[in-house]
Amino acid sequence: MLLATVFVVVGLLIGMPWFFQRSLIYFPDRGQPRPAAELLPGAQEVTLTTSDDLELGAWYLPAAGGCRATVLVAPGNAGNRANRAGLGRAISELGFGVLLFDYRGYAANPGYPSEDGLARDVRAAREFLTGAAGVPAGSLVYFGESIGAGVVTELTTEHPPAAMLLRSPFTSLADLGRAAYGVPVGWMLRDHYPVRENVVRADIPTAVVYGSADTIVPAQQSREVAQAARDAGNYVIEVEVAAANHNDAALALGPELIGALVDVAGRGGATGCP
């Protein structure tokens, strides 16, 4: 009886984190965002269709003045696209086009988030831009925010853009979990997001922007991502925003972030905007 009880307890200790871990990784705001016209004037409400037939909500604001350079924003693990409207406006004011979209399970989208699912979602976003929107692949700039850095670096291994900006990237989800909990968690993870491994495989100009006071993604992990890209021979812009925490406005859409976006996009040839 005692042995059976021990097996049950061990099974629960292992099984519960396995089945419920994604609720500790993804924090979607499932509310329907207000209309794009109210938050991102000039943006179009568009629907993205994934390879597994999910329909995702998105806002697309074309580039100004005939310019086709466009920023594909892969958001972090919380909120929805309404929380990135300010970022979308800041990008648009540079003359770039911008696409803000929500992953499966976020906003009013169907489905549940996972690493494989988010990979499908960002591909649907890219397919819309290079297809219906008519944006040349060489005019795309990927913008990955926190867990979105894992999403776009994986996309880059198959569909490289002109340039890429990673905001608050971690080296891998296993490394982030170990930093948070003080114990190895990689063995039990269903999602991995190997950012450092992916940037080594990329051959594009890369900007890494992070806050020195980030309490969610340690600044040292972002520095290691930048160094890995540099060691791989990529052109790297590394910007540390002093005293900025993970969700501070100074980091999320401040002048240092926007300046790094302009610089890395120009380095990648995504220029020509008024």
Protein backbone atom coordinates (compact mmCIF):
# COMPACT_ATOMS: atom_id res chain seq x y z
CA MET A 1 0.00 0.00 0.00
CA LEU A 2 2.81 2.38 0.93
CA LEU A 3 4.64 1.64 -2.32
CA ALA A 4 1.48 2.29 -4.34
CA THR A 5 1.02 5.62 -2.54
CA VAL A 6 4.59 6.59 -3.35
CA PHE A 7 4.04 5.83 -7.04
CA VAL A 8 0.86 7.93 -7.06
CA VAL A 9 2.59 10.89 -5.42
CA VAL A 10 5.57 10.69 -7.79
CA GLY A 11 3.19 10.41 -10.74
CA LEU A 12 1.35 13.53 -9.65
CA LEU A 13 4.58 15.46 -9.09
CA ILE A 14 5.71 14.62 -12.61
CA GLY A 15 2.36 14.56 -14.40
CA MET A 16 0.88 17.84 -13.16
CA PRO A 17 3.76 20.03 -14.38
CA TRP A 18 3.70 18.15 -17.70
CA PHE A 19 0.01 18.71 -18.33
CA PHE A 20 -0.36 22.21 -16.84
CA GLN A 21 2.98 23.81 -17.68
CA ARG A 22 1.61 25.86 -20.57
CA SER A 23 -0.63 27.74 -18.16
CA LEU A 24 2.64 28.95 -16.58
CA ILE A 25 4.12 29.97 -19.94
CA TYR A 26 1.28 31.65 -21.83
CA PHE A 27 -0.94 34.38 -20.37
CA PRO A 28 -3.38 35.36 -23.11
CA ASP A 29 -5.88 38.16 -22.84
CA ARG A 30 -8.86 36.46 -24.49
CA GLY A 31 -10.94 39.62 -24.82
CA GLN A 32 -11.88 40.93 -28.25
CA PRO A 33 -9.71 44.00 -28.97
CA ARG A 34 -11.42 47.26 -29.82
CA PRO A 35 -11.56 48.09 -33.55
CA ALA A 36 -8.26 48.90 -35.20
CA ALA A 37 -9.57 52.30 -36.26
CA GLU A 38 -9.76 53.33 -32.61
CA LEU A 39 -6.28 52.17 -31.59
CA LEU A 40 -4.22 52.14 -34.78
CA PRO A 41 -5.68 54.65 -37.25
CA GLY A 42 -5.25 53.60 -40.86
CA ALA A 43 -4.87 49.92 -40.02
CA GLN A 44 -6.90 47.23 -41.77
CA GLU A 45 -8.64 44.41 -39.91
CA VAL A 46 -7.32 41.23 -41.53
CA THR A 47 -7.71 37.50 -40.95
CA LEU A 48 -4.79 35.10 -41.12
CA THR A 49 -5.35 31.43 -41.91
CA THR A 50 -2.90 28.92 -40.47
CA SER A 51 -1.76 25.65 -41.99
CA ASP A 52 -4.06 23.82 -39.56
CA ASP A 53 -7.04 25.97 -40.61
CA LEU A 54 -7.32 28.35 -37.67
CA GLU A 55 -8.38 31.94 -38.35
CA LEU A 56 -6.43 34.58 -36.44
CA GLY A 57 -7.19 38.26 -36.01
CA ALA A 58 -4.60 40.84 -37.06
CA TRP A 59 -4.13 44.51 -37.88
CA TYR A 60 -2.17 45.55 -40.94
CA LEU A 61 -1.00 49.10 -41.49
CA PRO A 62 0.67 49.45 -44.91
CA ALA A 63 3.89 51.37 -45.34
CA ALA A 64 3.67 55.04 -46.17
CA GLY A 65 4.35 56.68 -49.50
CA GLY A 66 4.69 53.55 -51.57
CA CYS A 67 7.42 52.11 -49.38
CA ARG A 68 7.11 48.33 -48.90
CA ALA A 69 9.45 47.77 -45.95
CA THR A 70 7.29 46.14 -43.28
CA VAL A 71 7.77 44.98 -39.69
CA LEU A 72 6.22 41.67 -38.63
CA VAL A 73 5.69 41.84 -34.86
CA ALA A 74 5.66 38.54 -32.94
CA PRO A 75 4.39 39.50 -29.48
CA GLY A 76 5.30 38.24 -26.05
CA ASN A 77 3.34 35.73 -24.02
CA ALA A 78 0.77 38.06 -22.43
CA GLY A 79 -2.02 40.43 -23.46
CA ASN A 80 -3.17 40.79 -27.05
CA ARG A 81 -2.55 43.06 -30.02
CA ALA A 82 -4.37 45.99 -28.42
CA ASN A 83 -1.47 46.20 -25.95
CA ARG A 84 0.94 46.70 -28.89
CA ALA A 85 -1.01 49.50 -30.62
CA GLY A 86 1.46 52.09 -29.33
CA LEU A 87 4.34 50.09 -30.77
CA GLY A 88 2.46 49.81 -34.07
CA ARG A 89 2.00 53.58 -34.21
CA ALA A 90 5.68 54.19 -33.43
CA ILE A 91 6.74 51.82 -36.23
CA SER A 92 4.28 53.38 -38.67
CA GLU A 93 5.60 56.86 -37.91
CA LEU A 94 8.97 55.70 -39.25
CA GLY A 95 7.32 55.05 -42.62
CA PHE A 96 7.40 51.27 -42.24
CA GLY A 97 4.40 49.03 -42.65
CA VAL A 98 3.51 46.95 -39.61
CA LEU A 99 1.52 43.79 -38.90
CA LEU A 100 0.23 43.15 -35.37
CA PHE A 101 -1.37 39.75 -34.88
CA ASP A 102 -2.52 37.50 -32.07
CA TYR A 103 -1.44 33.91 -31.57
CA ARG A 104 -3.96 31.08 -31.28
CA GLY A 105 -5.79 31.27 -27.97
CA TYR A 106 -5.19 35.02 -27.68
CA ALA A 107 -7.86 37.70 -28.12
CA ALA A 108 -10.85 35.97 -29.75
CA ASN A 109 -8.71 33.46 -31.65
CA PRO A 110 -9.48 29.73 -31.47
CA GLY A 111 -7.00 27.14 -30.28
CA TYR A 112 -4.41 26.89 -27.53
CA PRO A 113 -0.86 28.27 -27.62
CA SER A 114 2.15 25.99 -27.98
CA GLU A 115 5.56 26.26 -29.61
CA ASP A 116 4.41 24.35 -32.69
CA GLY A 117 1.19 26.34 -32.84
CA LEU A 118 2.94 29.71 -32.64
CA ALA A 119 5.30 28.59 -35.41
CA ARG A 120 2.27 27.98 -37.62
CA ASP A 121 0.76 31.32 -36.60
CA VAL A 122 3.80 33.40 -37.52
CA ARG A 123 4.06 31.61 -40.85
CA ALA A 124 0.46 32.58 -41.58
CA ALA A 125 1.38 36.18 -40.77
CA ARG A 126 4.38 36.09 -43.10
CA GLU A 127 2.34 34.42 -45.84
CA PHE A 128 -0.23 37.22 -45.65
CA LEU A 129 2.46 39.88 -45.98
CA THR A 130 4.31 38.28 -48.87
CA GLY A 131 1.05 37.21 -50.54
CA ALA A 132 -2.06 39.34 -50.22
CA ALA A 133 -0.18 42.42 -48.99
CA GLY A 134 2.46 42.19 -51.74
CA VAL A 135 5.46 42.84 -49.49
CA PRO A 136 8.70 41.46 -50.97
CA ALA A 137 10.43 38.95 -48.70
CA GLY A 138 13.55 41.12 -48.84
CA SER A 139 11.62 44.03 -47.35
CA LEU A 140 10.51 42.19 -44.21
CA VAL A 141 11.89 42.93 -40.75
CA TYR A 142 11.05 40.51 -37.95
CA PHE A 143 10.41 41.92 -34.48
CA GLY A 144 10.28 39.36 -31.67
CA GLU A 145 9.24 40.40 -28.18
CA SER A 146 10.36 38.09 -25.35
CA ILE A 147 8.84 34.69 -26.22
CA GLY A 148 8.25 36.20 -29.67
CA ALA A 149 12.03 36.16 -30.06
CA GLY A 150 11.77 32.39 -29.98
CA VAL A 151 9.02 32.53 -32.57
CA VAL A 152 10.84 34.74 -35.09
CA THR A 153 14.27 33.15 -34.69
CA GLU A 154 12.74 29.79 -35.55
CA LEU A 155 10.97 31.37 -38.55
CA THR A 156 14.29 32.85 -39.65
CA THR A 157 15.85 29.41 -40.03
CA GLU A 158 13.36 28.70 -42.82
CA HIS A 159 12.41 32.16 -44.12
CA PRO A 160 15.13 34.74 -43.41
CA PRO A 161 14.07 38.40 -43.47
CA ALA A 162 16.10 41.48 -44.34
CA ALA A 163 16.82 42.05 -40.66
CA MET A 164 15.60 41.09 -37.20
CA LEU A 165 15.11 42.79 -33.84
CA LEU A 166 14.86 40.76 -30.65
CA ARG A 167 13.46 42.55 -27.61
CA SER A 168 14.29 40.93 -24.24
CA PRO A 169 15.25 37.53 -25.70
CA PHE A 170 16.12 34.57 -23.46
CA THR A 171 18.66 31.93 -24.51
CA SER A 172 16.12 29.09 -24.25
CA LEU A 173 12.97 28.37 -22.29
CA ALA A 174 14.88 25.79 -20.24
CA ASP A 175 17.48 28.40 -19.28
CA LEU A 176 14.74 30.88 -18.41
CA GLY A 177 12.98 28.31 -16.24
CA ARG A 178 16.18 27.45 -14.42
CA ALA A 179 16.85 31.13 -13.76
CA ALA A 180 13.31 31.55 -12.39
CA TYR A 181 13.08 28.43 -10.23
CA GLY A 182 16.71 27.64 -9.47
CA VAL A 183 16.45 24.02 -10.65
CA PRO A 184 16.77 22.31 -14.04
CA VAL A 185 13.38 22.17 -15.79
CA GLY A 186 14.40 21.40 -19.36
CA TRP A 187 13.71 17.67 -19.00
CA MET A 188 10.00 18.29 -18.42
CA LEU A 189 9.33 21.05 -20.94
CA ARG A 190 7.01 20.50 -23.90
CA ASP A 191 8.05 23.81 -25.51
CA HIS A 192 11.69 24.84 -25.84
CA TYR A 193 12.29 28.00 -27.93
CA PRO A 194 16.06 27.57 -28.44
CA VAL A 195 16.75 31.23 -29.27
CA ARG A 196 20.53 31.13 -28.90
CA GLU A 197 20.73 28.04 -31.09
CA ASN A 198 18.56 29.65 -33.76
CA VAL A 199 20.42 32.97 -33.98
CA VAL A 200 23.62 31.04 -34.66
CA ARG A 201 21.93 29.63 -37.78
CA ALA A 202 20.75 33.04 -38.98
CA ASP A 203 22.75 35.12 -41.45
CA ILE A 204 21.10 38.51 -41.13
CA PRO A 205 21.67 41.81 -39.31
CA THR A 206 20.29 41.42 -35.80
CA ALA A 207 19.45 43.92 -33.07
CA VAL A 208 19.15 42.80 -29.44
CA VAL A 209 17.49 45.25 -27.06
CA TYR A 210 16.99 44.52 -23.36
CA GLY A 211 16.61 46.18 -19.98
CA SER A 212 19.35 46.09 -17.39
CA ALA A 213 16.75 45.68 -14.60
CA ASP A 214 14.63 42.99 -16.27
CA THR A 215 13.18 40.72 -13.57
CA ILE A 216 11.56 38.27 -16.02
CA VAL A 217 14.29 37.68 -18.61
CA PRO A 218 17.73 38.15 -17.05
CA ALA A 219 19.76 40.73 -18.94
CA GLN A 220 22.66 38.28 -19.06
CA GLN A 221 20.62 35.88 -21.20
CA SER A 222 19.89 38.65 -23.71
CA ARG A 223 23.59 39.51 -23.77
CA GLU A 224 24.39 35.86 -24.49
CA VAL A 225 21.95 35.86 -27.42
CA ALA A 226 23.67 38.95 -28.84
CA GLN A 227 27.10 37.38 -28.37
CA ALA A 228 26.03 34.12 -30.01
CA ALA A 229 24.82 36.05 -33.07
CA ARG A 230 28.06 38.02 -33.11
CA ASP A 231 30.20 34.89 -32.80
CA ALA A 232 28.31 33.42 -35.76
CA GLY A 233 29.49 36.33 -37.90
CA ASN A 234 26.29 38.35 -37.96
CA TYR A 235 26.17 42.13 -37.77
CA VAL A 236 24.77 42.82 -34.29
CA ILE A 237 23.38 45.96 -32.69
CA GLU A 238 23.22 45.48 -28.92
CA VAL A 239 21.33 48.03 -26.84
CA GLU A 240 20.94 47.87 -23.07
CA VAL A 241 18.26 50.19 -21.73
CA ALA A 242 19.44 51.34 -18.31
CA ALA A 243 17.21 50.55 -15.32
CA ALA A 244 14.41 49.22 -17.55
CA ASN A 245 12.27 46.29 -16.42
CA HIS A 246 10.60 43.83 -18.77
CA ASN A 247 7.35 45.71 -19.34
CA ASP A 248 8.54 49.28 -18.83
CA ALA A 249 7.51 51.70 -21.58
CA ALA A 250 11.14 52.78 -21.97
CA LEU A 251 11.95 49.27 -23.15
CA ALA A 252 8.68 48.30 -24.83
CA LEU A 253 8.50 51.28 -27.21
CA GLY A 254 11.14 53.78 -26.11
CA PRO A 255 13.52 55.74 -28.36
CA GLU A 256 16.37 53.27 -27.91
CA LEU A 257 14.20 50.41 -29.17
CA ILE A 258 12.91 52.42 -32.11
CA GLY A 259 16.40 53.66 -32.95
CA ALA A 260 17.73 50.10 -32.98
CA LEU A 261 14.89 49.08 -35.32
CA VAL A 262 15.76 51.86 -37.76
CA ASP A 263 19.46 50.98 -37.64
CA VAL A 264 19.10 47.23 -38.13
CA ALA A 265 16.47 47.61 -40.85
CA GLY A 266 18.75 49.99 -42.74
CA ARG A 267 21.64 47.60 -42.38
CA GLY A 268 19.46 44.90 -43.92
CA GLY A 269 18.47 47.14 -46.83
CA ALA A 270 14.86 47.66 -45.74
CA THR A 271 14.99 51.38 -46.44
CA GLY A 272 13.55 53.85 -48.91
CA CYS A 273 10.69 54.99 -46.67
CA PRO A 274 9.88 58.68 -46.38
